[in-house]
């Protein structure tokens, strides 16, 4: 599958998500990195976005709460190329009713090849990268060819039955 290039501007759109038991950790991380975060466009699931705005005064576009569809909204924005980086402090030890949404969000992040940090140390390395404030072209597989192959293969198998 051939790759295509997707431009990432110097001012990135950074999505911030944290499960309930990780919100304090994300808040501390964001407080420490506030000056860097202010240089970029921030988007977050509902409760996390409200917390970041209230506690740190950051401009954050808040979606719905994760369990109420916010994870899916964010996933759609990733698919549409509207998110450059995902910082997702998720709690791997807590079973959540919206676990399928969480898995889908992580999956689309990998499919669309966006930088993804799921813990504080990875977020530290990601946000301190010199690439954060530069234009960058990320490679993304050309899924149009994949879709065409899957559609023709799928219809062929239906005709044989």
N, C-alpha and C. Protein backbone atom coordinates (compact mmCIF):
# COMPACT_ATOMS: atom_id res chain seq x y z
N UNK A 1 0.85 -1.17 0.00
CA UNK A 1 0.00 0.00 0.00
C UNK A 1 0.90 1.24 0.00
N UNK A 2 0.71 2.10 -0.96
CA UNK A 2 1.51 3.32 -1.08
C UNK A 2 1.10 4.33 -0.01
N UNK A 3 2.07 5.12 0.40
CA UNK A 3 1.80 6.16 1.39
C UNK A 3 1.45 7.46 0.71
N UNK A 4 0.74 8.28 1.44
CA UNK A 4 0.48 9.64 1.03
C UNK A 4 1.00 10.54 2.14
N UNK A 5 1.27 11.78 1.83
CA UNK A 5 1.80 12.72 2.82
C UNK A 5 0.68 13.63 3.30
N UNK A 6 0.65 13.83 4.61
CA UNK A 6 -0.31 14.75 5.21
C UNK A 6 0.47 15.82 5.95
N UNK A 7 0.27 17.08 5.59
CA UNK A 7 1.03 18.14 6.26
C UNK A 7 0.53 18.38 7.69
N UNK A 8 1.48 18.64 8.56
CA UNK A 8 1.19 19.06 9.93
C UNK A 8 1.79 20.46 10.06
N UNK A 9 0.98 21.45 10.39
CA UNK A 9 1.49 22.82 10.50
C UNK A 9 2.37 22.98 11.74
N UNK A 10 3.06 24.10 11.82
CA UNK A 10 3.89 24.36 13.00
C UNK A 10 3.02 24.54 14.25
N UNK A 11 1.82 25.07 14.07
CA UNK A 11 0.87 25.16 15.17
C UNK A 11 -0.01 23.91 15.10
N UNK A 12 0.25 22.98 15.99
CA UNK A 12 -0.43 21.69 15.96
C UNK A 12 -1.78 21.74 16.67
N UNK A 13 -2.65 20.82 16.30
CA UNK A 13 -3.88 20.58 17.04
C UNK A 13 -3.60 19.37 17.93
N UNK A 14 -3.62 19.62 19.23
CA UNK A 14 -3.30 18.60 20.21
C UNK A 14 -4.57 18.21 20.95
N UNK A 15 -4.90 16.93 20.90
CA UNK A 15 -6.06 16.42 21.63
C UNK A 15 -5.60 15.90 22.99
N UNK A 16 -6.36 16.25 24.02
CA UNK A 16 -6.04 15.85 25.39
C UNK A 16 -7.20 15.08 25.98
N UNK A 17 -6.92 13.89 26.49
CA UNK A 17 -7.94 13.03 27.07
C UNK A 17 -7.35 12.41 28.33
N UNK A 18 -8.18 12.26 29.36
CA UNK A 18 -7.72 11.57 30.57
C UNK A 18 -8.90 10.89 31.24
N UNK A 19 -8.69 9.64 31.61
CA UNK A 19 -9.71 8.95 32.40
C UNK A 19 -9.73 9.53 33.81
N UNK A 20 -10.80 9.27 34.53
CA UNK A 20 -11.01 9.88 35.85
C UNK A 20 -9.81 9.73 36.78
N UNK A 21 -9.23 8.54 36.86
CA UNK A 21 -8.10 8.32 37.77
C UNK A 21 -6.79 8.90 37.24
N UNK A 22 -6.81 9.45 36.04
CA UNK A 22 -5.60 10.03 35.44
C UNK A 22 -5.72 11.54 35.22
N UNK A 23 -6.85 12.13 35.57
CA UNK A 23 -7.05 13.56 35.33
C UNK A 23 -6.05 14.41 36.11
N UNK A 24 -5.78 14.07 37.36
CA UNK A 24 -4.81 14.84 38.14
C UNK A 24 -3.43 14.78 37.50
N UNK A 25 -3.05 13.61 37.01
CA UNK A 25 -1.76 13.44 36.35
C UNK A 25 -1.69 14.31 35.09
N UNK A 26 -2.74 14.30 34.28
CA UNK A 26 -2.76 15.13 33.07
C UNK A 26 -2.74 16.60 33.44
N UNK A 27 -3.47 16.98 34.48
CA UNK A 27 -3.50 18.38 34.91
C UNK A 27 -2.10 18.84 35.35
N UNK A 28 -1.41 18.02 36.12
CA UNK A 28 -0.04 18.37 36.54
C UNK A 28 0.88 18.49 35.32
N UNK A 29 0.74 17.55 34.38
CA UNK A 29 1.56 17.57 33.17
C UNK A 29 1.28 18.83 32.36
N UNK A 30 0.01 19.16 32.20
CA UNK A 30 -0.38 20.34 31.42
C UNK A 30 0.07 21.63 32.12
N UNK A 31 0.01 21.65 33.42
CA UNK A 31 0.47 22.83 34.17
C UNK A 31 1.96 23.05 33.91
N UNK A 32 2.74 21.98 33.97
CA UNK A 32 4.17 22.06 33.72
C UNK A 32 4.47 22.51 32.29
N UNK A 33 3.64 22.10 31.34
CA UNK A 33 3.86 22.38 29.92
C UNK A 33 2.94 23.47 29.38
N UNK A 34 2.34 24.24 30.26
CA UNK A 34 1.33 25.23 29.88
C UNK A 34 1.83 26.19 28.80
N UNK A 35 3.04 26.71 28.94
CA UNK A 35 3.55 27.67 27.96
C UNK A 35 3.69 27.05 26.57
N UNK A 36 4.09 25.80 26.50
CA UNK A 36 4.16 25.11 25.20
C UNK A 36 2.77 24.85 24.65
N UNK A 37 1.86 24.39 25.51
CA UNK A 37 0.51 24.07 25.06
C UNK A 37 -0.22 25.29 24.53
N UNK A 38 0.00 26.45 25.13
CA UNK A 38 -0.68 27.68 24.70
C UNK A 38 -0.36 28.06 23.27
N UNK A 39 0.73 27.57 22.73
CA UNK A 39 1.15 27.89 21.36
C UNK A 39 0.39 27.08 20.31
N UNK A 40 -0.40 26.11 20.78
CA UNK A 40 -1.08 25.20 19.86
C UNK A 40 -2.58 25.24 20.09
N UNK A 41 -3.30 24.62 19.16
CA UNK A 41 -4.75 24.51 19.29
C UNK A 41 -5.04 23.26 20.12
N UNK A 42 -5.86 23.42 21.16
CA UNK A 42 -6.16 22.30 22.05
C UNK A 42 -7.61 21.88 21.91
N UNK A 43 -7.79 20.57 21.92
CA UNK A 43 -9.12 19.98 21.87
C UNK A 43 -9.13 18.86 22.91
N UNK A 44 -10.27 18.66 23.55
CA UNK A 44 -10.32 17.63 24.60
C UNK A 44 -11.73 17.08 24.72
N UNK A 45 -11.81 15.89 25.30
CA UNK A 45 -13.13 15.38 25.65
C UNK A 45 -13.65 16.24 26.80
N UNK A 46 -14.97 16.23 26.99
CA UNK A 46 -15.68 17.18 27.83
C UNK A 46 -15.12 17.52 29.18
N UNK A 47 -15.09 16.56 30.09
CA UNK A 47 -14.67 16.84 31.45
C UNK A 47 -13.21 17.27 31.51
N UNK A 48 -12.36 16.61 30.74
CA UNK A 48 -10.95 16.97 30.69
C UNK A 48 -10.77 18.39 30.18
N UNK A 49 -11.48 18.74 29.12
CA UNK A 49 -11.39 20.08 28.55
C UNK A 49 -11.83 21.15 29.54
N UNK A 50 -12.94 20.89 30.21
CA UNK A 50 -13.44 21.85 31.20
C UNK A 50 -12.45 22.02 32.35
N UNK A 51 -11.85 20.94 32.79
CA UNK A 51 -10.87 20.98 33.87
C UNK A 51 -9.64 21.78 33.47
N UNK A 52 -9.12 21.54 32.27
CA UNK A 52 -7.94 22.27 31.79
C UNK A 52 -8.23 23.77 31.66
N UNK A 53 -9.41 24.10 31.20
CA UNK A 53 -9.78 25.50 31.06
C UNK A 53 -9.94 26.16 32.44
N UNK A 54 -10.68 25.50 33.32
CA UNK A 54 -10.96 26.07 34.65
C UNK A 54 -9.69 26.19 35.50
N UNK A 55 -8.87 25.15 35.52
CA UNK A 55 -7.71 25.13 36.40
C UNK A 55 -6.50 25.89 35.85
N UNK A 56 -6.34 25.89 34.52
CA UNK A 56 -5.14 26.48 33.92
C UNK A 56 -5.42 27.68 33.02
N UNK A 57 -6.69 27.93 32.74
CA UNK A 57 -7.04 29.04 31.86
C UNK A 57 -6.69 28.80 30.41
N UNK A 58 -6.49 27.55 30.02
CA UNK A 58 -6.15 27.24 28.63
C UNK A 58 -7.40 27.30 27.76
N UNK A 59 -7.23 27.78 26.53
CA UNK A 59 -8.29 27.74 25.54
C UNK A 59 -8.39 26.31 25.04
N UNK A 60 -9.51 25.67 25.30
CA UNK A 60 -9.69 24.27 24.91
C UNK A 60 -11.07 24.10 24.27
N UNK A 61 -11.09 23.55 23.08
CA UNK A 61 -12.37 23.19 22.45
C UNK A 61 -12.80 21.87 23.07
N UNK A 62 -13.88 21.90 23.84
CA UNK A 62 -14.33 20.70 24.54
C UNK A 62 -15.42 19.98 23.75
N UNK A 63 -15.22 18.69 23.58
CA UNK A 63 -16.22 17.83 22.94
C UNK A 63 -17.12 17.27 24.04
N UNK A 64 -17.89 16.27 23.72
CA UNK A 64 -18.70 15.57 24.73
C UNK A 64 -17.77 14.81 25.67
N UNK A 65 -18.29 14.45 26.80
CA UNK A 65 -17.56 13.57 27.71
C UNK A 65 -17.29 12.25 26.98
N UNK A 66 -16.16 11.62 27.28
CA UNK A 66 -15.79 10.38 26.61
C UNK A 66 -16.89 9.33 26.56
N UNK A 67 -17.47 8.96 27.71
CA UNK A 67 -18.51 7.93 27.70
C UNK A 67 -19.79 8.35 26.99
N UNK A 68 -19.96 9.65 26.76
CA UNK A 68 -21.17 10.14 26.09
C UNK A 68 -20.94 10.43 24.61
N UNK A 69 -19.85 9.89 24.07
CA UNK A 69 -19.58 10.05 22.63
C UNK A 69 -18.36 10.88 22.30
N UNK A 70 -17.72 11.48 23.31
CA UNK A 70 -16.55 12.32 23.05
C UNK A 70 -15.39 11.58 22.43
N UNK A 71 -15.18 10.33 22.86
CA UNK A 71 -14.10 9.53 22.25
C UNK A 71 -14.37 9.31 20.77
N UNK A 72 -15.63 9.06 20.43
CA UNK A 72 -15.99 8.86 19.03
C UNK A 72 -15.88 10.16 18.24
N UNK A 73 -16.28 11.29 18.85
CA UNK A 73 -16.12 12.57 18.18
C UNK A 73 -14.65 12.82 17.86
N UNK A 74 -13.81 12.56 18.84
CA UNK A 74 -12.38 12.78 18.65
C UNK A 74 -11.82 11.84 17.58
N UNK A 75 -12.26 10.59 17.59
CA UNK A 75 -11.83 9.65 16.56
C UNK A 75 -12.20 10.13 15.16
N UNK A 76 -13.40 10.68 15.03
CA UNK A 76 -13.83 11.22 13.73
C UNK A 76 -12.93 12.37 13.30
N UNK A 77 -12.54 13.22 14.24
CA UNK A 77 -11.65 14.34 13.91
C UNK A 77 -10.27 13.84 13.47
N UNK A 78 -9.81 12.76 14.07
CA UNK A 78 -8.54 12.17 13.65
C UNK A 78 -8.66 11.67 12.21
N UNK A 79 -9.73 10.95 11.91
CA UNK A 79 -9.95 10.41 10.57
C UNK A 79 -10.02 11.54 9.54
N UNK A 80 -10.62 12.66 9.92
CA UNK A 80 -10.75 13.80 9.00
C UNK A 80 -9.48 14.63 8.91
N UNK A 81 -8.43 14.26 9.63
CA UNK A 81 -7.16 14.99 9.57
C UNK A 81 -7.15 16.26 10.40
N UNK A 82 -8.05 16.37 11.36
CA UNK A 82 -8.16 17.59 12.16
C UNK A 82 -7.38 17.53 13.48
N UNK A 83 -6.71 16.42 13.75
CA UNK A 83 -5.93 16.27 14.98
C UNK A 83 -4.52 15.85 14.59
N UNK A 84 -3.52 16.52 15.15
CA UNK A 84 -2.13 16.21 14.84
C UNK A 84 -1.47 15.32 15.88
N UNK A 85 -1.88 15.44 17.14
CA UNK A 85 -1.26 14.71 18.24
C UNK A 85 -2.35 14.33 19.24
N UNK A 86 -2.24 13.14 19.79
CA UNK A 86 -3.16 12.71 20.85
C UNK A 86 -2.38 12.39 22.11
N UNK A 87 -2.71 13.11 23.18
CA UNK A 87 -2.20 12.83 24.52
C UNK A 87 -3.37 12.22 25.28
N UNK A 88 -3.28 10.94 25.58
CA UNK A 88 -4.40 10.22 26.18
C UNK A 88 -3.91 9.47 27.41
N UNK A 89 -4.10 10.07 28.58
CA UNK A 89 -3.73 9.42 29.83
C UNK A 89 -4.87 8.48 30.20
N UNK A 90 -4.75 7.23 29.75
CA UNK A 90 -5.82 6.27 30.00
C UNK A 90 -5.43 5.36 31.16
N UNK A 91 -6.42 4.80 31.76
CA UNK A 91 -6.23 3.96 32.94
C UNK A 91 -6.38 2.49 32.54
N UNK A 92 -5.27 1.78 32.35
CA UNK A 92 -5.36 0.40 31.91
C UNK A 92 -5.84 -0.57 32.99
N UNK A 93 -5.93 -0.09 34.22
CA UNK A 93 -6.35 -0.96 35.32
C UNK A 93 -7.83 -0.82 35.66
N UNK A 94 -8.50 0.10 35.03
CA UNK A 94 -9.91 0.36 35.34
C UNK A 94 -10.78 -0.06 34.17
N UNK A 95 -11.69 -0.99 34.40
CA UNK A 95 -12.65 -1.38 33.37
C UNK A 95 -13.67 -0.25 33.23
N UNK A 96 -13.90 0.16 32.02
CA UNK A 96 -14.80 1.28 31.76
C UNK A 96 -15.93 0.84 30.84
N UNK A 97 -17.11 1.42 31.02
CA UNK A 97 -18.23 1.02 30.15
C UNK A 97 -18.00 1.39 28.68
N UNK A 98 -17.12 2.35 28.43
CA UNK A 98 -16.87 2.76 27.05
C UNK A 98 -15.52 2.25 26.55
N UNK A 99 -15.06 1.10 27.08
CA UNK A 99 -13.80 0.51 26.61
C UNK A 99 -13.75 0.31 25.09
N UNK A 100 -14.84 -0.11 24.43
CA UNK A 100 -14.77 -0.23 22.96
C UNK A 100 -14.47 1.11 22.28
N UNK A 101 -14.99 2.20 22.83
CA UNK A 101 -14.71 3.52 22.26
C UNK A 101 -13.24 3.90 22.45
N UNK A 102 -12.70 3.56 23.61
CA UNK A 102 -11.29 3.83 23.90
C UNK A 102 -10.41 3.06 22.93
N UNK A 103 -10.71 1.79 22.76
CA UNK A 103 -9.94 0.95 21.84
C UNK A 103 -10.04 1.51 20.41
N UNK A 104 -11.22 1.94 20.01
CA UNK A 104 -11.39 2.51 18.66
C UNK A 104 -10.57 3.79 18.51
N UNK A 105 -10.53 4.62 19.54
CA UNK A 105 -9.76 5.87 19.48
C UNK A 105 -8.27 5.57 19.34
N UNK A 106 -7.78 4.63 20.11
CA UNK A 106 -6.37 4.25 19.99
C UNK A 106 -6.08 3.66 18.61
N UNK A 107 -7.02 2.87 18.11
CA UNK A 107 -6.86 2.23 16.80
C UNK A 107 -6.78 3.26 15.67
N UNK A 108 -7.68 4.23 15.64
CA UNK A 108 -7.64 5.22 14.55
C UNK A 108 -6.39 6.09 14.66
N UNK A 109 -5.89 6.29 15.86
CA UNK A 109 -4.65 7.06 16.01
C UNK A 109 -3.49 6.35 15.33
N UNK A 110 -3.45 5.04 15.48
CA UNK A 110 -2.39 4.26 14.84
C UNK A 110 -2.63 4.18 13.33
N UNK A 111 -3.88 3.94 12.92
CA UNK A 111 -4.19 3.84 11.49
C UNK A 111 -3.79 5.11 10.75
N UNK A 112 -4.09 6.26 11.33
CA UNK A 112 -3.81 7.53 10.67
C UNK A 112 -2.46 8.11 11.05
N UNK A 113 -1.65 7.31 11.76
CA UNK A 113 -0.25 7.64 12.03
C UNK A 113 -0.05 8.99 12.71
N UNK A 114 -0.85 9.24 13.76
CA UNK A 114 -0.60 10.47 14.51
C UNK A 114 0.18 10.12 15.77
N UNK A 115 1.03 11.02 16.22
CA UNK A 115 1.77 10.77 17.46
C UNK A 115 0.78 10.57 18.61
N UNK A 116 1.06 9.55 19.43
CA UNK A 116 0.15 9.16 20.50
C UNK A 116 0.95 8.90 21.77
N UNK A 117 0.58 9.58 22.84
CA UNK A 117 1.20 9.35 24.15
C UNK A 117 0.11 8.87 25.10
N UNK A 118 0.35 7.73 25.72
CA UNK A 118 -0.63 7.15 26.66
C UNK A 118 -0.18 7.25 28.10
N UNK A 119 0.99 7.82 28.33
CA UNK A 119 1.45 8.02 29.70
C UNK A 119 2.32 9.27 29.76
N UNK A 120 2.63 9.66 30.97
CA UNK A 120 3.32 10.94 31.17
C UNK A 120 4.71 10.98 30.53
N UNK A 121 5.47 9.92 30.65
CA UNK A 121 6.83 9.97 30.11
C UNK A 121 6.82 10.08 28.58
N UNK A 122 5.91 9.38 27.94
CA UNK A 122 5.82 9.48 26.48
C UNK A 122 5.35 10.88 26.09
N UNK A 123 4.41 11.43 26.86
CA UNK A 123 3.95 12.80 26.59
C UNK A 123 5.10 13.79 26.77
N UNK A 124 5.96 13.58 27.77
CA UNK A 124 7.12 14.46 27.97
C UNK A 124 8.05 14.40 26.77
N UNK A 125 8.34 13.20 26.29
CA UNK A 125 9.23 13.07 25.14
C UNK A 125 8.60 13.69 23.90
N UNK A 126 7.31 13.49 23.72
CA UNK A 126 6.61 14.00 22.55
C UNK A 126 6.59 15.53 22.54
N UNK A 127 6.22 16.12 23.67
CA UNK A 127 6.07 17.57 23.69
C UNK A 127 7.42 18.29 23.67
N UNK A 128 8.49 17.59 24.03
CA UNK A 128 9.81 18.22 24.01
C UNK A 128 10.53 18.01 22.68
N UNK A 129 9.89 17.32 21.75
CA UNK A 129 10.50 17.10 20.44
C UNK A 129 10.62 18.41 19.67
N UNK A 130 11.74 18.65 18.98
CA UNK A 130 11.85 19.85 18.16
C UNK A 130 10.84 19.87 17.00
N UNK A 131 10.30 18.71 16.65
CA UNK A 131 9.32 18.64 15.57
C UNK A 131 7.98 19.26 15.97
N UNK A 132 7.75 19.43 17.26
CA UNK A 132 6.47 19.96 17.74
C UNK A 132 6.17 21.32 17.14
N UNK A 133 7.17 22.16 17.02
CA UNK A 133 6.93 23.53 16.56
C UNK A 133 7.38 23.76 15.13
N UNK A 134 7.61 22.68 14.40
CA UNK A 134 7.97 22.79 12.99
C UNK A 134 6.87 22.21 12.12
N UNK A 135 6.84 22.64 10.86
CA UNK A 135 5.97 21.97 9.91
C UNK A 135 6.54 20.57 9.68
N UNK A 136 5.65 19.64 9.43
CA UNK A 136 6.07 18.25 9.28
C UNK A 136 5.10 17.55 8.35
N UNK A 137 5.60 16.64 7.54
CA UNK A 137 4.74 15.83 6.69
C UNK A 137 4.76 14.41 7.20
N UNK A 138 3.61 13.94 7.68
CA UNK A 138 3.56 12.57 8.15
C UNK A 138 3.08 11.67 7.03
N UNK A 139 3.59 10.47 7.02
CA UNK A 139 3.18 9.47 6.03
C UNK A 139 1.96 8.73 6.54
N UNK A 140 0.99 8.59 5.66
CA UNK A 140 -0.23 7.85 5.98
C UNK A 140 -0.48 6.90 4.81
N UNK A 141 -0.78 5.64 5.10
CA UNK A 141 -1.09 4.73 4.00
C UNK A 141 -2.26 5.26 3.17
N UNK A 142 -2.18 5.03 1.87
CA UNK A 142 -3.25 5.45 0.98
C UNK A 142 -4.36 4.41 1.06
N UNK A 143 -5.35 4.71 1.86
CA UNK A 143 -6.43 3.75 2.09
C UNK A 143 -7.44 3.69 0.95
N UNK A 144 -7.37 4.58 -0.01
CA UNK A 144 -8.29 4.51 -1.15
C UNK A 144 -8.07 3.21 -1.92
N UNK A 145 -6.82 2.87 -2.16
CA UNK A 145 -6.52 1.62 -2.86
C UNK A 145 -7.00 0.43 -2.05
N UNK A 146 -6.82 0.48 -0.74
CA UNK A 146 -7.29 -0.58 0.15
C UNK A 146 -8.81 -0.73 0.04
N UNK A 147 -9.53 0.40 0.06
CA UNK A 147 -10.99 0.37 -0.04
C UNK A 147 -11.44 -0.23 -1.36
N UNK A 148 -10.80 0.19 -2.45
CA UNK A 148 -11.18 -0.33 -3.77
C UNK A 148 -10.96 -1.83 -3.83
N UNK A 149 -9.86 -2.31 -3.28
CA UNK A 149 -9.57 -3.74 -3.28
C UNK A 149 -10.61 -4.47 -2.44
N UNK A 150 -10.93 -3.96 -1.27
CA UNK A 150 -11.88 -4.61 -0.37
C UNK A 150 -13.29 -4.62 -0.99
N UNK A 151 -13.66 -3.54 -1.65
CA UNK A 151 -14.99 -3.47 -2.25
C UNK A 151 -15.10 -4.47 -3.38
N UNK A 152 -14.10 -4.50 -4.26
CA UNK A 152 -14.19 -5.43 -5.39
C UNK A 152 -14.10 -6.87 -4.90
N UNK A 153 -13.28 -7.14 -3.93
CA UNK A 153 -13.17 -8.50 -3.38
C UNK A 153 -14.47 -8.90 -2.70
N UNK A 154 -15.05 -8.00 -1.94
CA UNK A 154 -16.30 -8.29 -1.24
C UNK A 154 -17.43 -8.58 -2.20
N UNK A 155 -17.57 -7.80 -3.26
CA UNK A 155 -18.65 -8.04 -4.21
C UNK A 155 -18.42 -9.31 -5.00
N UNK A 156 -17.15 -9.61 -5.31
CA UNK A 156 -16.84 -10.84 -6.03
C UNK A 156 -17.27 -12.06 -5.24
N UNK A 157 -17.01 -12.05 -3.93
CA UNK A 157 -17.38 -13.20 -3.11
C UNK A 157 -18.89 -13.31 -2.98
N UNK A 158 -19.62 -12.21 -3.03
CA UNK A 158 -21.07 -12.27 -2.97
C UNK A 158 -21.64 -12.90 -4.24
N UNK A 159 -21.04 -12.60 -5.37
CA UNK A 159 -21.53 -13.14 -6.66
C UNK A 159 -21.35 -14.65 -6.73
N UNK A 160 -20.30 -15.16 -6.06
CA UNK A 160 -20.01 -16.59 -6.14
C UNK A 160 -21.01 -17.42 -5.35
N UNK A 161 -21.71 -16.84 -4.39
CA UNK A 161 -22.62 -17.61 -3.52
C UNK A 161 -23.89 -17.94 -4.18
